PDB file of N, CA and C in Angstrom:
ATOM      1  N   MET A   1     -29.211   6.754  -6.261  1.00  0.00           N
ATOM      2  CA  MET A   1     -28.332   7.411  -5.301  1.00  0.00           C
ATOM      3  C   MET A   1     -27.243   6.426  -4.878  1.00  0.00           C
ATOM      4  N   ALA A   2     -26.034   6.897  -4.836  1.00  0.00           N
ATOM      5  CA  ALA A   2     -24.907   6.042  -4.482  1.00  0.00           C
ATOM      6  C   ALA A   2     -24.928   5.744  -2.985  1.00  0.00           C
ATOM      7  N   ARG A   3     -24.605   4.519  -2.682  1.00  0.00           N
ATOM      8  CA  ARG A   3     -24.566   4.104  -1.288  1.00  0.00           C
ATOM      9  C   ARG A   3     -23.187   4.399  -0.724  1.00  0.00           C
ATOM     10  N   THR A   4     -23.119   4.840   0.515  1.00  0.00           N
ATOM     11  CA  THR A   4     -21.837   5.078   1.170  1.00  0.00           C
ATOM     12  C   THR A   4     -21.602   4.001   2.211  1.00  0.00           C
ATOM     13  N   TYR A   5     -20.354   3.673   2.405  1.00  0.00           N
ATOM     14  CA  TYR A   5     -19.973   2.630   3.344  1.00  0.00           C
ATOM     15  C   TYR A   5     -19.025   3.216   4.378  1.00  0.00           C
ATOM     16  N   THR A   6     -19.104   2.708   5.585  1.00  0.00           N
ATOM     17  CA  THR A   6     -18.222   3.194   6.640  1.00  0.00           C
ATOM     18  C   THR A   6     -16.807   2.663   6.409  1.00  0.00           C
ATOM     19  N   PRO A   7     -15.806   3.380   6.886  1.00  0.00           N
ATOM     20  CA  PRO A   7     -14.428   2.888   6.757  1.00  0.00           C
ATOM     21  C   PRO A   7     -14.235   1.514   7.405  1.00  0.00           C
ATOM     22  N   ASP A   8     -14.953   1.263   8.510  1.00  0.00           N
ATOM     23  CA  ASP A   8     -14.855  -0.049   9.167  1.00  0.00           C
ATOM     24  C   ASP A   8     -15.393  -1.158   8.261  1.00  0.00           C
ATOM     25  N   PHE A   9     -16.485  -0.878   7.565  1.00  0.00           N
ATOM     26  CA  PHE A   9     -17.049  -1.875   6.663  1.00  0.00           C
ATOM     27  C   PHE A   9     -16.090  -2.162   5.518  1.00  0.00           C
ATOM     28  N   VAL A  10     -15.498  -1.099   4.977  1.00  0.00           N
ATOM     29  CA  VAL A  10     -14.537  -1.259   3.877  1.00  0.00           C
ATOM     30  C   VAL A  10     -13.363  -2.114   4.340  1.00  0.00           C
ATOM     31  N   GLU A  11     -12.828  -1.800   5.514  1.00  0.00           N
ATOM     32  CA  GLU A  11     -11.696  -2.555   6.057  1.00  0.00           C
ATOM     33  C   GLU A  11     -12.070  -4.016   6.287  1.00  0.00           C
ATOM     34  N   ASP A  12     -13.243  -4.248   6.845  1.00  0.00           N
ATOM     35  CA  ASP A  12     -13.702  -5.620   7.089  1.00  0.00           C
ATOM     36  C   ASP A  12     -13.919  -6.382   5.784  1.00  0.00           C
ATOM     37  N   ALA A  13     -14.424  -5.710   4.771  1.00  0.00           N
ATOM     38  CA  ALA A  13     -14.646  -6.356   3.472  1.00  0.00           C
ATOM     39  C   ALA A  13     -13.312  -6.767   2.845  1.00  0.00           C
ATOM     40  N   VAL A  14     -12.316  -5.909   2.931  1.00  0.00           N
ATOM     41  CA  VAL A  14     -10.991  -6.230   2.390  1.00  0.00           C
ATOM     42  C   VAL A  14     -10.389  -7.399   3.162  1.00  0.00           C
ATOM     43  N   LYS A  15     -10.525  -7.380   4.475  1.00  0.00           N
ATOM     44  CA  LYS A  15     -10.011  -8.490   5.297  1.00  0.00           C
ATOM     45  C   LYS A  15     -10.722  -9.799   4.941  1.00  0.00           C
ATOM     46  N   TYR A  16     -12.015  -9.716   4.653  1.00  0.00           N
ATOM     47  CA  TYR A  16     -12.789 -10.901   4.270  1.00  0.00           C
ATOM     48  C   TYR A  16     -12.225 -11.505   2.983  1.00  0.00           C
ATOM     49  N   VAL A  17     -11.936 -10.652   2.006  1.00  0.00           N
ATOM     50  CA  VAL A  17     -11.375 -11.128   0.734  1.00  0.00           C
ATOM     51  C   VAL A  17     -10.014 -11.775   0.967  1.00  0.00           C
ATOM     52  N   GLU A  18      -9.176 -11.136   1.777  1.00  0.00           N
ATOM     53  CA  GLU A  18      -7.843 -11.665   2.044  1.00  0.00           C
ATOM     54  C   GLU A  18      -7.897 -12.968   2.845  1.00  0.00           C
ATOM     55  N   ALA A  19      -8.905 -13.102   3.701  1.00  0.00           N
ATOM     56  CA  ALA A  19      -9.033 -14.308   4.521  1.00  0.00           C
ATOM     57  C   ALA A  19      -9.613 -15.488   3.744  1.00  0.00           C
ATOM     58  N   HIS A  20     -10.206 -15.211   2.586  1.00  0.00           N
ATOM     59  CA  HIS A  20     -10.819 -16.256   1.768  1.00  0.00           C
ATOM     60  C   HIS A  20     -10.232 -16.239   0.354  1.00  0.00           C
ATOM     61  N   PRO A  21      -8.975 -16.665   0.208  1.00  0.00           N
ATOM     62  CA  PRO A  21      -8.351 -16.621  -1.115  1.00  0.00           C
ATOM     63  C   PRO A  21      -9.001 -17.565  -2.125  1.00  0.00           C
ATOM     64  N   ASP A  22      -9.785 -18.528  -1.637  1.00  0.00           N
ATOM     65  CA  ASP A  22     -10.474 -19.464  -2.529  1.00  0.00           C
ATOM     66  C   ASP A  22     -11.666 -18.811  -3.233  1.00  0.00           C
ATOM     67  N   LEU A  23     -12.148 -17.680  -2.707  1.00  0.00           N
ATOM     68  CA  LEU A  23     -13.286 -16.977  -3.306  1.00  0.00           C
ATOM     69  C   LEU A  23     -12.807 -15.966  -4.334  1.00  0.00           C
ATOM     70  N   THR A  24     -13.560 -15.841  -5.402  1.00  0.00           N
ATOM     71  CA  THR A  24     -13.272 -14.778  -6.362  1.00  0.00           C
ATOM     72  C   THR A  24     -13.854 -13.480  -5.817  1.00  0.00           C
ATOM     73  N   ILE A  25     -13.448 -12.379  -6.396  1.00  0.00           N
ATOM     74  CA  ILE A  25     -13.996 -11.081  -5.986  1.00  0.00           C
ATOM     75  C   ILE A  25     -15.507 -11.061  -6.226  1.00  0.00           C
ATOM     76  N   VAL A  26     -15.942 -11.671  -7.311  1.00  0.00           N
ATOM     77  CA  VAL A  26     -17.377 -11.713  -7.639  1.00  0.00           C
ATOM     78  C   VAL A  26     -18.141 -12.441  -6.533  1.00  0.00           C
ATOM     79  N   ASP A  27     -17.627 -13.617  -6.126  1.00  0.00           N
ATOM     80  CA  ASP A  27     -18.307 -14.382  -5.077  1.00  0.00           C
ATOM     81  C   ASP A  27     -18.295 -13.645  -3.744  1.00  0.00           C
ATOM     82  N   ALA A  28     -17.155 -13.042  -3.413  1.00  0.00           N
ATOM     83  CA  ALA A  28     -17.053 -12.307  -2.160  1.00  0.00           C
ATOM     84  C   ALA A  28     -18.017 -11.124  -2.147  1.00  0.00           C
ATOM     85  N   ALA A  29     -18.118 -10.423  -3.270  1.00  0.00           N
ATOM     86  CA  ALA A  29     -19.031  -9.284  -3.355  1.00  0.00           C
ATOM     87  C   ALA A  29     -20.486  -9.737  -3.186  1.00  0.00           C
ATOM     88  N   LYS A  30     -20.829 -10.881  -3.795  1.00  0.00           N
ATOM     89  CA  LYS A  30     -22.192 -11.417  -3.629  1.00  0.00           C
ATOM     90  C   LYS A  30     -22.455 -11.749  -2.170  1.00  0.00           C
ATOM     91  N   ASN A  31     -21.469 -12.375  -1.512  1.00  0.00           N
ATOM     92  CA  ASN A  31     -21.633 -12.739  -0.103  1.00  0.00           C
ATOM     93  C   ASN A  31     -21.799 -11.505   0.784  1.00  0.00           C
ATOM     94  N   LEU A  32     -21.118 -10.419   0.433  1.00  0.00           N
ATOM     95  CA  LEU A  32     -21.176  -9.200   1.237  1.00  0.00           C
ATOM     96  C   LEU A  32     -22.332  -8.282   0.826  1.00  0.00           C
ATOM     97  N   GLY A  33     -22.945  -8.567  -0.331  1.00  0.00           N
ATOM     98  CA  GLY A  33     -24.072  -7.755  -0.788  1.00  0.00           C
ATOM     99  C   GLY A  33     -23.664  -6.395  -1.317  1.00  0.00           C
ATOM    100  N   ILE A  34     -22.500  -6.325  -1.951  1.00  0.00           N
ATOM    101  CA  ILE A  34     -22.028  -5.063  -2.509  1.00  0.00           C
ATOM    102  C   ILE A  34     -21.647  -5.274  -3.979  1.00  0.00           C
ATOM    103  N   PRO A  35     -21.581  -4.202  -4.758  1.00  0.00           N
ATOM    104  CA  PRO A  35     -21.190  -4.338  -6.160  1.00  0.00           C
ATOM    105  C   PRO A  35     -19.755  -4.861  -6.306  1.00  0.00           C
ATOM    106  N   THR A  36     -19.546  -5.677  -7.305  1.00  0.00           N
ATOM    107  CA  THR A  36     -18.228  -6.275  -7.547  1.00  0.00           C
ATOM    108  C   THR A  36     -17.163  -5.207  -7.778  1.00  0.00           C
ATOM    109  N   GLY A  37     -17.489  -4.208  -8.584  1.00  0.00           N
ATOM    110  CA  GLY A  37     -16.524  -3.147  -8.876  1.00  0.00           C
ATOM    111  C   GLY A  37     -16.106  -2.377  -7.640  1.00  0.00           C
ATOM    112  N   THR A  38     -17.042  -2.178  -6.738  1.00  0.00           N
ATOM    113  CA  THR A  38     -16.741  -1.472  -5.494  1.00  0.00           C
ATOM    114  C   THR A  38     -15.741  -2.266  -4.663  1.00  0.00           C
ATOM    115  N   LEU A  39     -16.018  -3.547  -4.486  1.00  0.00           N
ATOM    116  CA  LEU A  39     -15.121  -4.397  -3.695  1.00  0.00           C
ATOM    117  C   LEU A  39     -13.753  -4.501  -4.361  1.00  0.00           C
ATOM    118  N   TYR A  40     -13.757  -4.648  -5.684  1.00  0.00           N
ATOM    119  CA  TYR A  40     -12.485  -4.732  -6.414  1.00  0.00           C
ATOM    120  C   TYR A  40     -11.639  -3.482  -6.179  1.00  0.00           C
ATOM    121  N   GLY A  41     -12.268  -2.327  -6.230  1.00  0.00           N
ATOM    122  CA  GLY A  41     -11.549  -1.069  -6.004  1.00  0.00           C
ATOM    123  C   GLY A  41     -10.969  -0.980  -4.607  1.00  0.00           C
ATOM    124  N   TRP A  42     -11.740  -1.427  -3.616  1.00  0.00           N
ATOM    125  CA  TRP A  42     -11.247  -1.398  -2.236  1.00  0.00           C
ATOM    126  C   TRP A  42     -10.038  -2.311  -2.061  1.00  0.00           C
ATOM    127  N   VAL A  43     -10.136  -3.513  -2.619  1.00  0.00           N
ATOM    128  CA  VAL A  43      -9.050  -4.491  -2.485  1.00  0.00           C
ATOM    129  C   VAL A  43      -7.810  -3.983  -3.216  1.00  0.00           C
ATOM    130  N   ARG A  44      -8.006  -3.465  -4.405  1.00  0.00           N
ATOM    131  CA  ARG A  44      -6.876  -2.952  -5.183  1.00  0.00           C
ATOM    132  C   ARG A  44      -6.206  -1.788  -4.459  1.00  0.00           C
ATOM    133  N   GLY A  45      -6.997  -0.891  -3.924  1.00  0.00           N
ATOM    134  CA  GLY A  45      -6.451   0.245  -3.183  1.00  0.00           C
ATOM    135  C   GLY A  45      -5.691  -0.189  -1.952  1.00  0.00           C
ATOM    136  N   SER A  46      -6.225  -1.165  -1.242  1.00  0.00           N
ATOM    137  CA  SER A  46      -5.561  -1.680  -0.050  1.00  0.00           C
ATOM    138  C   SER A  46      -4.227  -2.323  -0.393  1.00  0.00           C
ATOM    139  N   ARG A  47      -4.218  -3.089  -1.459  1.00  0.00           N
ATOM    140  CA  ARG A  47      -2.971  -3.749  -1.873  1.00  0.00           C
ATOM    141  C   ARG A  47      -1.927  -2.738  -2.314  1.00  0.00           C
ATOM    142  N   ARG A  48      -2.349  -1.699  -2.994  1.00  0.00           N
ATOM    143  CA  ARG A  48      -1.407  -0.657  -3.424  1.00  0.00           C
ATOM    144  C   ARG A  48      -0.820   0.060  -2.218  1.00  0.00           C
ATOM    145  N   LYS A  49      -1.654   0.342  -1.220  1.00  0.00           N
ATOM    146  CA  LYS A  49      -1.154   0.999  -0.010  1.00  0.00           C
ATOM    147  C   LYS A  49      -0.158   0.103   0.712  1.00  0.00           C
ATOM    148  N   ASN A  50      -0.469  -1.174   0.807  1.00  0.00           N
ATOM    149  CA  ASN A  50       0.433  -2.112   1.474  1.00  0.00           C
ATOM    150  C   ASN A  50       1.746  -2.223   0.728  1.00  0.00           C
ATOM    151  N   MET A  51       1.705  -2.246  -0.594  1.00  0.00           N
ATOM    152  CA  MET A  51       2.932  -2.342  -1.375  1.00  0.00           C
ATOM    153  C   MET A  51       3.767  -1.080  -1.193  1.00  0.00           C
ATOM    154  N   ALA A  52       3.118   0.059  -1.125  1.00  0.00           N
ATOM    155  CA  ALA A  52       3.853   1.307  -0.938  1.00  0.00           C
ATOM    156  C   ALA A  52       4.521   1.339   0.427  1.00  0.00           C
ATOM    157  N   LYS A  53       3.868   0.778   1.439  1.00  0.00           N
ATOM    158  CA  LYS A  53       4.456   0.728   2.781  1.00  0.00           C
ATOM    159  C   LYS A  53       5.656  -0.198   2.816  1.00  0.00           C
ATOM    160  N   ASP A  54       5.603  -1.292   2.087  1.00  0.00           N
ATOM    161  CA  ASP A  54       6.681  -2.273   2.093  1.00  0.00           C
ATOM    162  C   ASP A  54       7.835  -1.880   1.191  1.00  0.00           C
ATOM    163  N   GLY A  55       7.680  -0.820   0.440  1.00  0.00           N
ATOM    164  CA  GLY A  55       8.736  -0.383  -0.454  1.00  0.00           C
ATOM    165  C   GLY A  55       8.781  -1.135  -1.763  1.00  0.00           C
ATOM    166  N   GLU A  56       7.793  -1.966  -2.018  1.00  0.00           N
ATOM    167  CA  GLU A  56       7.744  -2.690  -3.282  1.00  0.00           C
ATOM    168  C   GLU A  56       7.279  -1.743  -4.381  1.00  0.00           C
ATOM    169  N   PRO A  57       7.738  -1.964  -5.593  1.00  0.00           N
ATOM    170  CA  PRO A  57       7.257  -1.102  -6.675  1.00  0.00           C
ATOM    171  C   PRO A  57       5.776  -1.335  -6.926  1.00  0.00           C
ATOM    172  N   ILE A  58       5.084  -0.274  -7.237  1.00  0.00           N
ATOM    173  CA  ILE A  58       3.653  -0.355  -7.521  1.00  0.00           C
ATOM    174  C   ILE A  58       3.478  -0.372  -9.025  1.00  0.00           C
ATOM    175  N   ARG A  59       2.793  -1.360  -9.526  1.00  0.00           N
ATOM    176  CA  ARG A  59       2.572  -1.494 -10.962  1.00  0.00           C
ATOM    177  C   ARG A  59       1.321  -0.708 -11.365  1.00  0.00           C
ATOM    178  N   GLY A  60       1.280  -0.275 -12.598  1.00  0.00           N
ATOM    179  CA  GLY A  60       0.097   0.412 -13.097  1.00  0.00           C
ATOM    180  C   GLY A  60       0.223   1.917 -12.950  1.00  0.00           C
ATOM    181  N   ASN A  61      -0.860   2.606 -13.190  1.00  0.00           N
ATOM    182  CA  ASN A  61      -0.874   4.066 -13.091  1.00  0.00           C
ATOM    183  C   ASN A  61      -0.740   4.481 -11.635  1.00  0.00           C
ATOM    184  N   LEU A  62       0.159   5.424 -11.391  1.00  0.00           N
ATOM    185  CA  LEU A  62       0.385   5.888 -10.037  1.00  0.00           C
ATOM    186  C   LEU A  62      -0.374   7.182  -9.791  1.00  0.00           C
ATOM    187  N   THR A  63      -0.896   7.305  -8.585  1.00  0.00           N
ATOM    188  CA  THR A  63      -1.502   8.566  -8.197  1.00  0.00           C
ATOM    189  C   THR A  63      -0.380   9.533  -7.827  1.00  0.00           C
ATOM    190  N   ASP A  64      -0.716  10.793  -7.717  1.00  0.00           N
ATOM    191  CA  ASP A  64       0.295  11.785  -7.327  1.00  0.00           C
ATOM    192  C   ASP A  64       0.846  11.475  -5.939  1.00  0.00           C
ATOM    193  N   GLU A  65      -0.015  11.002  -5.049  1.00  0.00           N
ATOM    194  CA  GLU A  65       0.428  10.662  -3.696  1.00  0.00           C
ATOM    195  C   GLU A  65       1.410   9.493  -3.714  1.00  0.00           C
ATOM    196  N   GLU A  66       1.140   8.494  -4.538  1.00  0.00           N
ATOM    197  CA  GLU A  66       2.031   7.337  -4.636  1.00  0.00           C
ATOM    198  C   GLU A  66       3.383   7.737  -5.216  1.00  0.00           C
ATOM    199  N   LYS A  67       3.372   8.626  -6.200  1.00  0.00           N
ATOM    200  CA  LYS A  67       4.624   9.117  -6.767  1.00  0.00           C
ATOM    201  C   LYS A  67       5.435   9.864  -5.713  1.00  0.00           C
ATOM    202  N   GLU A  68       4.754  10.678  -4.922  1.00  0.00           N
ATOM    203  CA  GLU A  68       5.432  11.439  -3.870  1.00  0.00           C
ATOM    204  C   GLU A  68       5.996  10.510  -2.801  1.00  0.00           C
ATOM    205  N   ILE A  69       5.259   9.483  -2.440  1.00  0.00           N
ATOM    206  CA  ILE A  69       5.744   8.508  -1.452  1.00  0.00           C
ATOM    207  C   ILE A  69       7.006   7.830  -1.963  1.00  0.00           C
ATOM    208  N   ILE A  70       6.997   7.413  -3.202  1.00  0.00           N
ATOM    209  CA  ILE A  70       8.167   6.747  -3.780  1.00  0.00           C
ATOM    210  C   ILE A  70       9.361   7.703  -3.795  1.00  0.00           C
ATOM    211  N   ARG A  71       9.134   8.955  -4.192  1.00  0.00           N
ATOM    212  CA  ARG A  71      10.212   9.937  -4.233  1.00  0.00           C
ATOM    213  C   ARG A  71      10.789  10.174  -2.839  1.00  0.00           C
ATOM    214  N   LEU A  72       9.915  10.310  -1.853  1.00  0.00           N
ATOM    215  CA  LEU A  72      10.372  10.557  -0.485  1.00  0.00           C
ATOM    216  C   LEU A  72      11.112   9.358   0.096  1.00  0.00           C
ATOM    217  N   LYS A  73      10.680   8.149  -0.239  1.00  0.00           N
ATOM    218  CA  LYS A  73      11.389   6.955   0.237  1.00  0.00           C
ATOM    219  C   LYS A  73      12.795   6.897  -0.345  1.00  0.00           C
ATOM    220  N   LYS A  74      12.934   7.239  -1.619  1.00  0.00           N
ATOM    221  CA  LYS A  74      14.263   7.261  -2.244  1.00  0.00           C
ATOM    222  C   LYS A  74      15.140   8.317  -1.586  1.00  0.00           C
ATOM    223  N   GLU A  75      14.561   9.489  -1.344  1.00  0.00           N
ATOM    224  CA  GLU A  75      15.309  10.568  -0.705  1.00  0.00           C
ATOM    225  C   GLU A  75      15.745  10.167   0.699  1.00  0.00           C
ATOM    226  N   LEU A  76      14.859   9.529   1.443  1.00  0.00           N
ATOM    227  CA  LEU A  76      15.197   9.066   2.790  1.00  0.00           C
ATOM    228  C   LEU A  76      16.322   8.040   2.749  1.00  0.00           C
ATOM    229  N   GLN A  77      16.263   7.103   1.816  1.00  0.00           N
ATOM    230  CA  GLN A  77      17.308   6.087   1.708  1.00  0.00           C
ATOM    231  C   GLN A  77      18.646   6.719   1.348  1.00  0.00           C
ATOM    232  N   ASP A  78      18.640   7.697   0.443  1.00  0.00           N
ATOM    233  CA  ASP A  78      19.868   8.399   0.090  1.00  0.00           C
ATOM    234  C   ASP A  78      20.459   9.110   1.306  1.00  0.00           C
ATOM    235  N   THR A  79      19.614   9.734   2.103  1.00  0.00           N
ATOM    236  CA  THR A  79      20.068  10.427   3.302  1.00  0.00           C
ATOM    237  C   THR A  79      20.658   9.443   4.307  1.00  0.00           C
ATOM    238  N   LYS A  80      20.007   8.292   4.484  1.00  0.00           N
ATOM    239  CA  LYS A  80      20.528   7.273   5.391  1.00  0.00           C
ATOM    240  C   LYS A  80      21.882   6.758   4.918  1.00  0.00           C
ATOM    241  N   ASP A  81      22.009   6.548   3.610  1.00  0.00           N
ATOM    242  CA  ASP A  81      23.282   6.076   3.059  1.00  0.00           C
ATOM    243  C   ASP A  81      24.387   7.102   3.301  1.00  0.00           C
ATOM    244  N   ALA A  82      24.088   8.378   3.088  1.00  0.00           N
ATOM    245  CA  ALA A  82      25.075   9.437   3.309  1.00  0.00           C
ATOM    246  C   ALA A  82      25.465   9.501   4.784  1.00  0.00           C
ATOM    247  N   LEU A  83      24.510   9.333   5.672  1.00  0.00           N
ATOM    248  CA  LEU A  83      24.795   9.342   7.110  1.00  0.00           C
ATOM    249  C   LEU A  83      25.693   8.176   7.493  1.00  0.00           C
ATOM    250  N   ASP A  84      25.435   7.002   6.941  1.00  0.00           N
ATOM    251  CA  ASP A  84      26.278   5.838   7.226  1.00  0.00           C
ATOM    252  C   ASP A  84      27.711   6.073   6.774  1.00  0.00           C
ATOM    253  N   ILE A  85      27.864   6.682   5.599  1.00  0.00           N
ATOM    254  CA  ILE A  85      29.208   6.974   5.085  1.00  0.00           C
ATOM    255  C   ILE A  85      29.919   7.963   5.998  1.00  0.00           C
ATOM    256  N   LEU A  86      29.208   8.972   6.438  1.00  0.00           N
ATOM    257  CA  LEU A  86      29.811   9.959   7.346  1.00  0.00           C
ATOM    258  C   LEU A  86      30.205   9.331   8.675  1.00  0.00           C
ATOM    259  N   LYS A  87      29.390   8.455   9.203  1.00  0.00           N
ATOM    260  CA  LYS A  87      29.713   7.769  10.455  1.00  0.00           C
ATOM    261  C   LYS A  87      30.988   6.943  10.300  1.00  0.00           C
ATOM    262  N   LYS A  88      31.107   6.242   9.185  1.00  0.00           N
ATOM    263  CA  LYS A  88      32.298   5.429   8.934  1.00  0.00           C
ATOM    264  C   LYS A  88      33.525   6.329   8.794  1.00  0.00           C
ATOM    265  N   ALA A  89      33.381   7.450   8.102  1.00  0.00           N
ATOM    266  CA  ALA A  89      34.497   8.372   7.924  1.00  0.00           C
ATOM    267  C   ALA A  89      34.952   8.936   9.269  1.00  0.00           C
ATOM    268  N   ILE A  90      34.009   9.279  10.124  1.00  0.00           N
ATOM    269  CA  ILE A  90      34.335   9.823  11.450  1.00  0.00           C
ATOM    270  C   ILE A  90      35.075   8.776  12.278  1.00  0.00           C
ATOM    271  N   SER A  91      34.612   7.529  12.214  1.00  0.00           N
ATOM    272  CA  SER A  91      35.279   6.486  12.999  1.00  0.00           C
ATOM    273  C   SER A  91      36.685   6.221  12.487  1.00  0.00           C
ATOM    274  N   ILE A  92      36.891   6.292  11.186  1.00  0.00           N
ATOM    275  CA  ILE A  92      38.222   6.068  10.594  1.00  0.00           C
ATOM    276  C   ILE A  92      39.156   7.227  10.972  1.00  0.00           C
ATOM    277  N   LEU A  93      38.669   8.453  10.856  1.00  0.00           N
ATOM    278  CA  LEU A  93      39.493   9.621  11.165  1.00  0.00           C
ATOM    279  C   LEU A  93      39.735   9.763  12.663  1.00  0.00           C
ATOM    280  N   GLY A  94      38.864   9.223  13.477  1.00  0.00           N
ATOM    281  CA  GLY A  94      39.026   9.306  14.920  1.00  0.00           C
ATOM    282  C   GLY A  94      40.064   8.356  15.477  1.00  0.00           C
ATOM    283  N   GLU A  95      40.476   7.382  14.669  1.00  0.00           N
ATOM    284  CA  GLU A  95      41.450   6.401  15.154  1.00  0.00           C
ATOM    285  C   GLU A  95      42.848   6.907  15.123  1.00  0.00           C
TER     286      GLU A  95
END
């Protein structure tokens, strides 16, 4: 039977890995008493989420949600750029 972990435990495990860069994922998983693949997946998922928040490109296979986030960020940036251009045009025409 598969073991389930609380979201707090997952978050703490990822923070543990990030706080100990000298440890490999294998060593960290042994210290936490969880399977290596499980910890690796949590860390990878966390890093992908952080990269998506920072606007950095995400390498590898993208989930549908990640593709949608990237598309929406581009659309938002285009809208902001258009708004800036309109503001400049209004200020020029108002003079």
